[in-house]
Amino acid sequence: MRLDYSQFYTFVLPAKPENPSCTLSEDTRYGTITSVDVTCSTSKVYPGAKCSFYKKTNGGNNVKITRNPFYSLTLLDTTPVYYSSQCSVSMPVQEGRGHTASSVTSTLM
């Protein structure tokens, strides 16, 4: 008797993100920057994008942003299965802390 072990494991072969890009925007109220929004996207990835966002402190150090990013996945009509993916985070600007769009960076994997 031969046992079929295929029900006990699944191989996931990730696909590197294609055409990754990020956009930064500053929200302003009454001429003052109130928050910085970062949105990153990729046109094709598997199983899905994972984003990490960092802010640069006044001392020049990168600190990971602990807010959970918002993710969206769109199934592409392809075989094998791929997705387009987007992630975003919004950071309020704290007066005197020096956070601007240019001081927020991201990593898309």
PDB file of N, CA and C in Angstrom:
ATOM      1  N   MET A   1       0.842  -1.180   0.000  1.00  0.00           N
ATOM      2  CA  MET A   1       0.000   0.000   0.000  1.00  0.00           C
ATOM      3  C   MET A   1       0.892   1.249   0.000  1.00  0.00           C
ATOM      4  N   ARG A   2       0.606   2.155  -0.888  1.00  0.00           N
ATOM      5  CA  ARG A   2       1.376   3.400  -0.982  1.00  0.00           C
ATOM      6  C   ARG A   2       0.549   4.546  -0.398  1.00  0.00           C
ATOM      7  N   LEU A   3       1.155   5.350   0.480  1.00  0.00           N
ATOM      8  CA  LEU A   3       0.456   6.467   1.102  1.00  0.00           C
ATOM      9  C   LEU A   3       0.659   7.733   0.287  1.00  0.00           C
ATOM     10  N   ASP A   4      -0.388   8.537   0.205  1.00  0.00           N
ATOM     11  CA  ASP A   4      -0.316   9.827  -0.485  1.00  0.00           C
ATOM     12  C   ASP A   4      -0.167  10.917   0.565  1.00  0.00           C
ATOM     13  N   TYR A   5       1.020  11.499   0.627  1.00  0.00           N
ATOM     14  CA  TYR A   5       1.300  12.526   1.625  1.00  0.00           C
ATOM     15  C   TYR A   5       0.982  13.925   1.124  1.00  0.00           C
ATOM     16  N   SER A   6       0.512  14.078  -0.081  1.00  0.00           N
ATOM     17  CA  SER A   6       0.299  15.412  -0.657  1.00  0.00           C
ATOM     18  C   SER A   6      -0.719  16.241   0.113  1.00  0.00           C
ATOM     19  N   GLN A   7      -1.598  15.610   0.841  1.00  0.00           N
ATOM     20  CA  GLN A   7      -2.584  16.369   1.601  1.00  0.00           C
ATOM     21  C   GLN A   7      -1.978  17.017   2.843  1.00  0.00           C
ATOM     22  N   PHE A   8      -0.737  16.680   3.172  1.00  0.00           N
ATOM     23  CA  PHE A   8      -0.119  17.189   4.388  1.00  0.00           C
ATOM     24  C   PHE A   8       0.827  18.368   4.154  1.00  0.00           C
ATOM     25  N   TYR A   9       1.092  18.713   2.919  1.00  0.00           N
ATOM     26  CA  TYR A   9       1.995  19.817   2.659  1.00  0.00           C
ATOM     27  C   TYR A   9       1.581  20.554   1.393  1.00  0.00           C
ATOM     28  N   THR A  10       2.002  21.793   1.327  1.00  0.00           N
ATOM     29  CA  THR A  10       1.766  22.621   0.156  1.00  0.00           C
ATOM     30  C   THR A  10       3.055  23.392  -0.121  1.00  0.00           C
ATOM     31  N   PHE A  11       3.499  23.359  -1.355  1.00  0.00           N
ATOM     32  CA  PHE A  11       4.668  24.147  -1.739  1.00  0.00           C
ATOM     33  C   PHE A  11       4.200  25.506  -2.223  1.00  0.00           C
ATOM     34  N   VAL A  12       4.784  26.543  -1.673  1.00  0.00           N
ATOM     35  CA  VAL A  12       4.500  27.907  -2.116  1.00  0.00           C
ATOM     36  C   VAL A  12       5.790  28.471  -2.687  1.00  0.00           C
ATOM     37  N   LEU A  13       5.768  28.764  -3.969  1.00  0.00           N
ATOM     38  CA  LEU A  13       6.927  29.350  -4.629  1.00  0.00           C
ATOM     39  C   LEU A  13       6.632  30.817  -4.883  1.00  0.00           C
ATOM     40  N   PRO A  14       7.181  31.702  -4.054  1.00  0.00           N
ATOM     41  CA  PRO A  14       6.875  33.126  -4.203  1.00  0.00           C
ATOM     42  C   PRO A  14       7.400  33.678  -5.528  1.00  0.00           C
ATOM     43  N   ALA A  15       6.698  34.656  -6.041  1.00  0.00           N
ATOM     44  CA  ALA A  15       7.131  35.392  -7.231  1.00  0.00           C
ATOM     45  C   ALA A  15       7.524  36.788  -6.794  1.00  0.00           C
ATOM     46  N   LYS A  16       8.692  37.227  -7.209  1.00  0.00           N
ATOM     47  CA  LYS A  16       9.197  38.554  -6.876  1.00  0.00           C
ATOM     48  C   LYS A  16       8.245  39.618  -7.435  1.00  0.00           C
ATOM     49  N   PRO A  17       7.998  40.701  -6.688  1.00  0.00           N
ATOM     50  CA  PRO A  17       7.103  41.753  -7.183  1.00  0.00           C
ATOM     51  C   PRO A  17       7.601  42.352  -8.503  1.00  0.00           C
ATOM     52  N   GLU A  18       6.682  42.531  -9.438  1.00  0.00           N
ATOM     53  CA  GLU A  18       7.008  43.185 -10.706  1.00  0.00           C
ATOM     54  C   GLU A  18       6.520  44.624 -10.676  1.00  0.00           C
ATOM     55  N   ASN A  19       7.307  45.515 -11.217  1.00  0.00           N
ATOM     56  CA  ASN A  19       6.988  46.939 -11.320  1.00  0.00           C
ATOM     57  C   ASN A  19       6.592  47.564  -9.975  1.00  0.00           C
ATOM     58  N   PRO A  20       7.396  47.356  -8.924  1.00  0.00           N
ATOM     59  CA  PRO A  20       7.039  47.976  -7.642  1.00  0.00           C
ATOM     60  C   PRO A  20       7.203  49.496  -7.713  1.00  0.00           C
ATOM     61  N   SER A  21       6.288  50.188  -7.089  1.00  0.00           N
ATOM     62  CA  SER A  21       6.382  51.649  -7.027  1.00  0.00           C
ATOM     63  C   SER A  21       5.682  52.147  -5.767  1.00  0.00           C
ATOM     64  N   CYS A  22       6.119  53.288  -5.300  1.00  0.00           N
ATOM     65  CA  CYS A  22       5.517  53.910  -4.117  1.00  0.00           C
ATOM     66  C   CYS A  22       5.261  55.385  -4.396  1.00  0.00           C
ATOM     67  N   THR A  23       4.191  55.885  -3.816  1.00  0.00           N
ATOM     68  CA  THR A  23       3.887  57.311  -3.912  1.00  0.00           C
ATOM     69  C   THR A  23       3.749  57.866  -2.502  1.00  0.00           C
ATOM     70  N   LEU A  24       4.138  59.101  -2.351  1.00  0.00           N
ATOM     71  CA  LEU A  24       4.057  59.801  -1.077  1.00  0.00           C
ATOM     72  C   LEU A  24       3.210  61.047  -1.255  1.00  0.00           C
ATOM     73  N   SER A  25       2.377  61.324  -0.286  1.00  0.00           N
ATOM     74  CA  SER A  25       1.614  62.572  -0.340  1.00  0.00           C
ATOM     75  C   SER A  25       1.484  63.137   1.069  1.00  0.00           C
ATOM     76  N   GLU A  26       1.429  64.446   1.128  1.00  0.00           N
ATOM     77  CA  GLU A  26       1.269  65.138   2.406  1.00  0.00           C
ATOM     78  C   GLU A  26      -0.127  65.741   2.454  1.00  0.00           C
ATOM     79  N   ASP A  27      -0.873  65.427   3.501  1.00  0.00           N
ATOM     80  CA  ASP A  27      -2.191  66.033   3.707  1.00  0.00           C
ATOM     81  C   ASP A  27      -1.997  67.328   4.492  1.00  0.00           C
ATOM     82  N   THR A  28      -2.627  68.381   4.015  1.00  0.00           N
ATOM     83  CA  THR A  28      -2.478  69.667   4.707  1.00  0.00           C
ATOM     84  C   THR A  28      -3.838  70.226   5.112  1.00  0.00           C
ATOM     85  N   ARG A  29      -3.821  70.932   6.211  1.00  0.00           N
ATOM     86  CA  ARG A  29      -4.994  71.683   6.684  1.00  0.00           C
ATOM     87  C   ARG A  29      -4.509  73.050   7.109  1.00  0.00           C
ATOM     88  N   TYR A  30      -5.133  74.075   6.558  1.00  0.00           N
ATOM     89  CA  TYR A  30      -4.778  75.457   6.914  1.00  0.00           C
ATOM     90  C   TYR A  30      -3.289  75.737   6.694  1.00  0.00           C
ATOM     91  N   GLY A  31      -2.719  75.122   5.633  1.00  0.00           N
ATOM     92  CA  GLY A  31      -1.324  75.360   5.300  1.00  0.00           C
ATOM     93  C   GLY A  31      -0.322  74.581   6.135  1.00  0.00           C
ATOM     94  N   THR A  32      -0.799  73.687   7.003  1.00  0.00           N
ATOM     95  CA  THR A  32       0.080  72.888   7.852  1.00  0.00           C
ATOM     96  C   THR A  32      -0.042  71.420   7.469  1.00  0.00           C
ATOM     97  N   ILE A  33       1.080  70.720   7.374  1.00  0.00           N
ATOM     98  CA  ILE A  33       1.055  69.289   7.065  1.00  0.00           C
ATOM     99  C   ILE A  33       0.523  68.545   8.285  1.00  0.00           C
ATOM    100  N   THR A  34      -0.555  67.771   8.096  1.00  0.00           N
ATOM    101  CA  THR A  34      -1.162  67.034   9.205  1.00  0.00           C
ATOM    102  C   THR A  34      -0.843  65.543   9.182  1.00  0.00           C
ATOM    103  N   SER A  35      -0.610  64.983   7.981  1.00  0.00           N
ATOM    104  CA  SER A  35      -0.244  63.572   7.892  1.00  0.00           C
ATOM    105  C   SER A  35       0.492  63.303   6.586  1.00  0.00           C
ATOM    106  N   VAL A  36       1.205  62.186   6.590  1.00  0.00           N
ATOM    107  CA  VAL A  36       1.933  61.727   5.412  1.00  0.00           C
ATOM    108  C   VAL A  36       1.355  60.373   5.034  1.00  0.00           C
ATOM    109  N   ASP A  37       0.948  60.222   3.771  1.00  0.00           N
ATOM    110  CA  ASP A  37       0.391  58.969   3.273  1.00  0.00           C
ATOM    111  C   ASP A  37       1.381  58.333   2.303  1.00  0.00           C
ATOM    112  N   VAL A  38       1.645  57.042   2.493  1.00  0.00           N
ATOM    113  CA  VAL A  38       2.539  56.294   1.600  1.00  0.00           C
ATOM    114  C   VAL A  38       1.746  55.124   1.049  1.00  0.00           C
ATOM    115  N   THR A  39       1.753  54.979  -0.274  1.00  0.00           N
ATOM    116  CA  THR A  39       1.077  53.865  -0.934  1.00  0.00           C
ATOM    117  C   THR A  39       2.066  53.184  -1.867  1.00  0.00           C
ATOM    118  N   CYS A  40       2.209  51.866  -1.721  1.00  0.00           N
ATOM    119  CA  CYS A  40       3.096  51.083  -2.575  1.00  0.00           C
ATOM    120  C   CYS A  40       2.273  50.045  -3.318  1.00  0.00           C
ATOM    121  N   SER A  41       2.664  49.760  -4.557  1.00  0.00           N
ATOM    122  CA  SER A  41       1.923  48.783  -5.345  1.00  0.00           C
ATOM    123  C   SER A  41       2.868  47.984  -6.220  1.00  0.00           C
ATOM    124  N   THR A  42       2.404  46.828  -6.643  1.00  0.00           N
ATOM    125  CA  THR A  42       3.116  45.978  -7.579  1.00  0.00           C
ATOM    126  C   THR A  42       2.099  45.386  -8.550  1.00  0.00           C
ATOM    127  N   SER A  43       2.493  45.250  -9.805  1.00  0.00           N
ATOM    128  CA  SER A  43       1.547  44.783 -10.815  1.00  0.00           C
ATOM    129  C   SER A  43       1.374  43.277 -10.814  1.00  0.00           C
ATOM    130  N   LYS A  44       2.353  42.544 -10.244  1.00  0.00           N
ATOM    131  CA  LYS A  44       2.256  41.085 -10.259  1.00  0.00           C
ATOM    132  C   LYS A  44       3.129  40.522  -9.148  1.00  0.00           C
ATOM    133  N   VAL A  45       2.529  39.674  -8.313  1.00  0.00           N
ATOM    134  CA  VAL A  45       3.252  39.079  -7.193  1.00  0.00           C
ATOM    135  C   VAL A  45       2.516  37.812  -6.757  1.00  0.00           C
ATOM    136  N   TYR A  46       3.223  36.914  -6.097  1.00  0.00           N
ATOM    137  CA  TYR A  46       2.595  35.755  -5.465  1.00  0.00           C
ATOM    138  C   TYR A  46       3.411  35.395  -4.238  1.00  0.00           C
ATOM    139  N   PRO A  47       2.797  35.125  -3.100  1.00  0.00           N
ATOM    140  CA  PRO A  47       1.367  35.062  -2.842  1.00  0.00           C
ATOM    141  C   PRO A  47       0.743  36.422  -2.587  1.00  0.00           C
ATOM    142  N   GLY A  48       1.475  37.385  -2.137  1.00  0.00           N
ATOM    143  CA  GLY A  48       0.971  38.732  -1.903  1.00  0.00           C
ATOM    144  C   GLY A  48       2.121  39.591  -1.427  1.00  0.00           C
ATOM    145  N   ALA A  49       1.972  40.876  -1.522  1.00  0.00           N
ATOM    146  CA  ALA A  49       3.041  41.781  -1.094  1.00  0.00           C
ATOM    147  C   ALA A  49       3.068  41.887   0.419  1.00  0.00           C
ATOM    148  N   LYS A  50       4.246  42.110   0.946  1.00  0.00           N
ATOM    149  CA  LYS A  50       4.416  42.400   2.366  1.00  0.00           C
ATOM    150  C   LYS A  50       5.182  43.711   2.428  1.00  0.00           C
ATOM    151  N   CYS A  51       4.605  44.678   3.089  1.00  0.00           N
ATOM    152  CA  CYS A  51       5.210  46.008   3.142  1.00  0.00           C
ATOM    153  C   CYS A  51       5.680  46.332   4.545  1.00  0.00           C
ATOM    154  N   SER A  52       6.821  46.983   4.611  1.00  0.00           N
ATOM    155  CA  SER A  52       7.342  47.525   5.860  1.00  0.00           C
ATOM    156  C   SER A  52       7.626  48.995   5.622  1.00  0.00           C
ATOM    157  N   PHE A  53       7.165  49.834   6.523  1.00  0.00           N
ATOM    158  CA  PHE A  53       7.355  51.273   6.399  1.00  0.00           C
ATOM    159  C   PHE A  53       8.239  51.765   7.536  1.00  0.00           C
ATOM    160  N   TYR A  54       9.098  52.733   7.209  1.00  0.00           N
ATOM    161  CA  TYR A  54      10.041  53.278   8.182  1.00  0.00           C
ATOM    162  C   TYR A  54      10.001  54.795   8.133  1.00  0.00           C
ATOM    163  N   LYS A  55      10.281  55.409   9.270  1.00  0.00           N
ATOM    164  CA  LYS A  55      10.432  56.863   9.305  1.00  0.00           C
ATOM    165  C   LYS A  55      11.838  57.176   9.776  1.00  0.00           C
ATOM    166  N   LYS A  56      12.366  58.264   9.278  1.00  0.00           N
ATOM    167  CA  LYS A  56      13.707  58.701   9.647  1.00  0.00           C
ATOM    168  C   LYS A  56      13.568  59.741  10.751  1.00  0.00           C
ATOM    169  N   THR A  57      14.243  59.509  11.853  1.00  0.00           N
ATOM    170  CA  THR A  57      14.194  60.449  12.975  1.00  0.00           C
ATOM    171  C   THR A  57      15.088  61.646  12.679  1.00  0.00           C
ATOM    172  N   ASN A  58      14.958  62.688  13.502  1.00  0.00           N
ATOM    173  CA  ASN A  58      15.818  63.865  13.340  1.00  0.00           C
ATOM    174  C   ASN A  58      17.290  63.497  13.471  1.00  0.00           C
ATOM    175  N   GLY A  59      17.575  62.405  14.203  1.00  0.00           N
ATOM    176  CA  GLY A  59      18.954  61.945  14.345  1.00  0.00           C
ATOM    177  C   GLY A  59      19.439  61.133  13.152  1.00  0.00           C
ATOM    178  N   GLY A  60      18.553  60.877  12.177  1.00  0.00           N
ATOM    179  CA  GLY A  60      18.942  60.154  10.974  1.00  0.00           C
ATOM    180  C   GLY A  60      18.728  58.652  11.029  1.00  0.00           C
ATOM    181  N   ASN A  61      18.186  58.133  12.140  1.00  0.00           N
ATOM    182  CA  ASN A  61      17.952  56.695  12.261  1.00  0.00           C
ATOM    183  C   ASN A  61      16.625  56.301  11.622  1.00  0.00           C
ATOM    184  N   ASN A  62      16.584  55.107  11.018  1.00  0.00           N
ATOM    185  CA  ASN A  62      15.327  54.563  10.496  1.00  0.00           C
ATOM    186  C   ASN A  62      14.620  53.794  11.603  1.00  0.00           C
ATOM    187  N   VAL A  63      13.346  54.114  11.828  1.00  0.00           N
ATOM    188  CA  VAL A  63      12.542  53.459  12.847  1.00  0.00           C
ATOM    189  C   VAL A  63      11.322  52.868  12.155  1.00  0.00           C
ATOM    190  N   LYS A  64      11.057  51.576  12.391  1.00  0.00           N
ATOM    191  CA  LYS A  64       9.916  50.928  11.757  1.00  0.00           C
ATOM    192  C   LYS A  64       8.614  51.532  12.274  1.00  0.00           C
ATOM    193  N   ILE A  65       7.709  51.830  11.352  1.00  0.00           N
ATOM    194  CA  ILE A  65       6.387  52.342  11.713  1.00  0.00           C
ATOM    195  C   ILE A  65       5.551  51.159  12.179  1.00  0.00           C
ATOM    196  N   THR A  66       5.007  51.247  13.384  1.00  0.00           N
ATOM    197  CA  THR A  66       4.311  50.108  13.973  1.00  0.00           C
ATOM    198  C   THR A  66       2.851  50.011  13.560  1.00  0.00           C
ATOM    199  N   ARG A  67       2.328  51.027  12.900  1.00  0.00           N
ATOM    200  CA  ARG A  67       0.946  50.952  12.422  1.00  0.00           C
ATOM    201  C   ARG A  67       0.827  49.846  11.379  1.00  0.00           C
ATOM    202  N   ASN A  68      -0.256  49.095  11.444  1.00  0.00           N
ATOM    203  CA  ASN A  68      -0.477  48.051  10.448  1.00  0.00           C
ATOM    204  C   ASN A  68      -0.872  48.676   9.117  1.00  0.00           C
ATOM    205  N   PRO A  69      -0.180  48.299   8.039  1.00  0.00           N
ATOM    206  CA  PRO A  69      -0.561  48.833   6.726  1.00  0.00           C
ATOM    207  C   PRO A  69      -1.900  48.262   6.281  1.00  0.00           C
ATOM    208  N   PHE A  70      -2.583  48.998   5.423  1.00  0.00           N
ATOM    209  CA  PHE A  70      -3.792  48.515   4.769  1.00  0.00           C
ATOM    210  C   PHE A  70      -3.341  47.797   3.502  1.00  0.00           C
ATOM    211  N   TYR A  71      -3.834  46.586   3.294  1.00  0.00           N
ATOM    212  CA  TYR A  71      -3.470  45.785   2.122  1.00  0.00           C
ATOM    213  C   TYR A  71      -4.684  45.557   1.233  1.00  0.00           C
ATOM    214  N   SER A  72      -4.448  45.512  -0.068  1.00  0.00           N
ATOM    215  CA  SER A  72      -5.480  45.062  -0.999  1.00  0.00           C
ATOM    216  C   SER A  72      -4.825  44.166  -2.043  1.00  0.00           C
ATOM    217  N   LEU A  73      -5.496  43.076  -2.359  1.00  0.00           N
ATOM    218  CA  LEU A  73      -5.042  42.114  -3.363  1.00  0.00           C
ATOM    219  C   LEU A  73      -6.089  42.011  -4.446  1.00  0.00           C
ATOM    220  N   THR A  74      -5.657  41.964  -5.695  1.00  0.00           N
ATOM    221  CA  THR A  74      -6.563  41.745  -6.809  1.00  0.00           C
ATOM    222  C   THR A  74      -6.066  40.538  -7.573  1.00  0.00           C
ATOM    223  N   LEU A  75      -6.911  39.537  -7.710  1.00  0.00           N
ATOM    224  CA  LEU A  75      -6.565  38.318  -8.432  1.00  0.00           C
ATOM    225  C   LEU A  75      -6.461  38.632  -9.917  1.00  0.00           C
ATOM    226  N   LEU A  76      -5.323  38.274 -10.515  1.00  0.00           N
ATOM    227  CA  LEU A  76      -5.146  38.458 -11.952  1.00  0.00           C
ATOM    228  C   LEU A  76      -5.669  37.236 -12.690  1.00  0.00           C
ATOM    229  N   ASP A  77      -6.149  37.426 -13.874  1.00  0.00           N
ATOM    230  CA  ASP A  77      -6.688  36.329 -14.677  1.00  0.00           C
ATOM    231  C   ASP A  77      -5.533  35.631 -15.397  1.00  0.00           C
ATOM    232  N   THR A  78      -4.716  34.902 -14.606  1.00  0.00           N
ATOM    233  CA  THR A  78      -3.545  34.232 -15.151  1.00  0.00           C
ATOM    234  C   THR A  78      -3.442  32.815 -14.611  1.00  0.00           C
ATOM    235  N   THR A  79      -2.692  31.999 -15.323  1.00  0.00           N
ATOM    236  CA  THR A  79      -2.338  30.672 -14.840  1.00  0.00           C
ATOM    237  C   THR A  79      -0.835  30.560 -14.998  1.00  0.00           C
ATOM    238  N   PRO A  80      -0.069  30.320 -13.935  1.00  0.00           N
ATOM    239  CA  PRO A  80      -0.512  30.130 -12.555  1.00  0.00           C
ATOM    240  C   PRO A  80      -1.067  31.417 -11.954  1.00  0.00           C
ATOM    241  N   VAL A  81      -1.563  31.298 -10.746  1.00  0.00           N
ATOM    242  CA  VAL A  81      -2.231  32.411 -10.072  1.00  0.00           C
ATOM    243  C   VAL A  81      -1.221  33.469  -9.644  1.00  0.00           C
ATOM    244  N   TYR A  82      -1.535  34.729  -9.973  1.00  0.00           N
ATOM    245  CA  TYR A  82      -0.772  35.884  -9.506  1.00  0.00           C
ATOM    246  C   TYR A  82      -1.758  36.945  -9.044  1.00  0.00           C
ATOM    247  N   TYR A  83      -1.240  37.929  -8.301  1.00  0.00           N
ATOM    248  CA  TYR A  83      -2.057  39.028  -7.802  1.00  0.00           C
ATOM    249  C   TYR A  83      -1.382  40.349  -8.134  1.00  0.00           C
ATOM    250  N   SER A  84      -2.170  41.394  -8.246  1.00  0.00           N
ATOM    251  CA  SER A  84      -1.627  42.741  -8.129  1.00  0.00           C
ATOM    252  C   SER A  84      -1.905  43.125  -6.678  1.00  0.00           C
ATOM    253  N   SER A  85      -1.033  43.895  -6.096  1.00  0.00           N
ATOM    254  CA  SER A  85      -1.146  44.147  -4.669  1.00  0.00           C
ATOM    255  C   SER A  85      -0.810  45.599  -4.360  1.00  0.00           C
ATOM    256  N   GLN A  86      -1.448  46.105  -3.316  1.00  0.00           N
ATOM    257  CA  GLN A  86      -1.221  47.478  -2.886  1.00  0.00           C
ATOM    258  C   GLN A  86      -1.222  47.516  -1.364  1.00  0.00           C
ATOM    259  N   CYS A  87      -0.366  48.348  -0.799  1.00  0.00           N
ATOM    260  CA  CYS A  87      -0.369  48.547   0.648  1.00  0.00           C
ATOM    261  C   CYS A  87      -0.169  50.030   0.922  1.00  0.00           C
ATOM    262  N   SER A  88      -0.735  50.480   2.008  1.00  0.00           N
ATOM    263  CA  SER A  88      -0.624  51.903   2.331  1.00  0.00           C
ATOM    264  C   SER A  88      -0.645  52.112   3.841  1.00  0.00           C
ATOM    265  N   VAL A  89      -0.071  53.234   4.232  1.00  0.00           N
ATOM    266  CA  VAL A  89      -0.078  53.620   5.639  1.00  0.00           C
ATOM    267  C   VAL A  89      -0.159  55.142   5.694  1.00  0.00           C
ATOM    268  N   SER A  90      -0.818  55.632   6.728  1.00  0.00           N
ATOM    269  CA  SER A  90      -0.925  57.070   6.949  1.00  0.00           C
ATOM    270  C   SER A  90      -0.330  57.379   8.318  1.00  0.00           C
ATOM    271  N   MET A  91       0.558  58.363   8.346  1.00  0.00           N
ATOM    272  CA  MET A  91       1.220  58.744   9.589  1.00  0.00           C
ATOM    273  C   MET A  91       0.886  60.178   9.932  1.00  0.00           C
ATOM    274  N   PRO A  92       0.318  60.419  11.109  1.00  0.00           N
ATOM    275  CA  PRO A  92       0.103  61.808  11.509  1.00  0.00           C
ATOM    276  C   PRO A  92       1.442  62.495  11.745  1.00  0.00           C
ATOM    277  N   VAL A  93       1.526  63.754  11.415  1.00  0.00           N
ATOM    278  CA  VAL A  93       2.740  64.521  11.635  1.00  0.00           C
ATOM    279  C   VAL A  93       2.654  65.131  13.021  1.00  0.00           C
ATOM    280  N   GLN A  94       3.688  64.913  13.790  1.00  0.00           N
ATOM    281  CA  GLN A  94       3.742  65.470  15.137  1.00  0.00           C
ATOM    282  C   GLN A  94       4.622  66.701  15.094  1.00  0.00           C
ATOM    283  N   GLU A  95       4.075  67.801  15.541  1.00  0.00           N
ATOM    284  CA  GLU A  95       4.797  69.069  15.469  1.00  0.00           C
ATOM    285  C   GLU A  95       6.135  68.963  16.171  1.00  0.00           C
ATOM    286  N   GLY A  96       7.156  69.472  15.489  1.00  0.00           N
ATOM    287  CA  GLY A  96       8.494  69.458  16.053  1.00  0.00           C
ATOM    288  C   GLY A  96       9.217  68.139  15.891  1.00  0.00           C
ATOM    289  N   ARG A  97       8.554  67.128  15.328  1.00  0.00           N
ATOM    290  CA  ARG A  97       9.190  65.828  15.176  1.00  0.00           C
ATOM    291  C   ARG A  97       9.879  65.669  13.821  1.00  0.00           C
ATOM    292  N   GLY A  98       9.635  66.584  12.895  1.00  0.00           N
ATOM    293  CA  GLY A  98      10.351  66.563  11.633  1.00  0.00           C
ATOM    294  C   GLY A  98       9.903  65.505  10.644  1.00  0.00           C
ATOM    295  N   HIS A  99       8.694  64.966  10.762  1.00  0.00           N
ATOM    296  CA  HIS A  99       8.223  63.963   9.814  1.00  0.00           C
ATOM    297  C   HIS A  99       7.647  64.651   8.585  1.00  0.00           C
ATOM    298  N   THR A 100       8.177  64.314   7.449  1.00  0.00           N
ATOM    299  CA  THR A 100       7.649  64.793   6.177  1.00  0.00           C
ATOM    300  C   THR A 100       7.628  63.624   5.219  1.00  0.00           C
ATOM    301  N   ALA A 101       7.043  63.830   4.062  1.00  0.00           N
ATOM    302  CA  ALA A 101       7.003  62.748   3.070  1.00  0.00           C
ATOM    303  C   ALA A 101       8.408  62.268   2.739  1.00  0.00           C
ATOM    304  N   SER A 102       9.370  63.159   2.729  1.00  0.00           N
ATOM    305  CA  SER A 102      10.726  62.758   2.380  1.00  0.00           C
ATOM    306  C   SER A 102      11.407  61.960   3.488  1.00  0.00           C
ATOM    307  N   SER A 103      10.834  61.921   4.695  1.00  0.00           N
ATOM    308  CA  SER A 103      11.468  61.177   5.774  1.00  0.00           C
ATOM    309  C   SER A 103      10.786  59.836   6.033  1.00  0.00           C
ATOM    310  N   VAL A 104       9.842  59.429   5.171  1.00  0.00           N
ATOM    311  CA  VAL A 104       9.182  58.125   5.296  1.00  0.00           C
ATOM    312  C   VAL A 104       9.640  57.268   4.132  1.00  0.00           C
ATOM    313  N   THR A 105      10.130  56.035   4.425  1.00  0.00           N
ATOM    314  CA  THR A 105      10.555  55.124   3.382  1.00  0.00           C
ATOM    315  C   THR A 105       9.783  53.826   3.519  1.00  0.00           C
ATOM    316  N   SER A 106       9.869  52.974   2.486  1.00  0.00           N
ATOM    317  CA  SER A 106       9.144  51.717   2.525  1.00  0.00           C
ATOM    318  C   SER A 106       9.940  50.618   1.854  1.00  0.00           C
ATOM    319  N   THR A 107       9.588  49.381   2.200  1.00  0.00           N
ATOM    320  CA  THR A 107      10.151  48.194   1.579  1.00  0.00           C
ATOM    321  C   THR A 107       9.002  47.339   1.116  1.00  0.00           C
ATOM    322  N   LEU A 108       9.019  46.958  -0.140  1.00  0.00           N
ATOM    323  CA  LEU A 108       7.973  46.105  -0.712  1.00  0.00           C
ATOM    324  C   LEU A 108       8.583  44.789  -1.096  1.00  0.00           C
ATOM    325  N   MET A 109       8.088  43.701  -0.477  1.00  0.00           N
ATOM    326  CA  MET A 109       8.613  42.372  -0.765  1.00  0.00           C
ATOM    327  C   MET A 109       7.511  41.496  -1.289  1.00  0.00           C
TER     328      MET A 109
END
